[in-house]
Amino acid sequence: MLLRSMAGAPLGALSARGLWVAGAEAGVAVDAAGHATVTGPPPGLDLDVL
């Protein structure tokens, strides 16, 4: 999944919740400046934010 907030866009922040990854629920949020935060990945699973 690719979430990219466009600088200066009227949309602002974006988020996706309720994503199932390796049998557990996770989420990702991207603020208006383009900084990402990942929540809820299962223990032992690393999610890279590019």
Foldseek 3Di string as FASTA:
>chain_A
DDDFADAPDPVFKDKDWQDADPNWTKMKIAGNVGDMDIPDDDPPDDDDDD
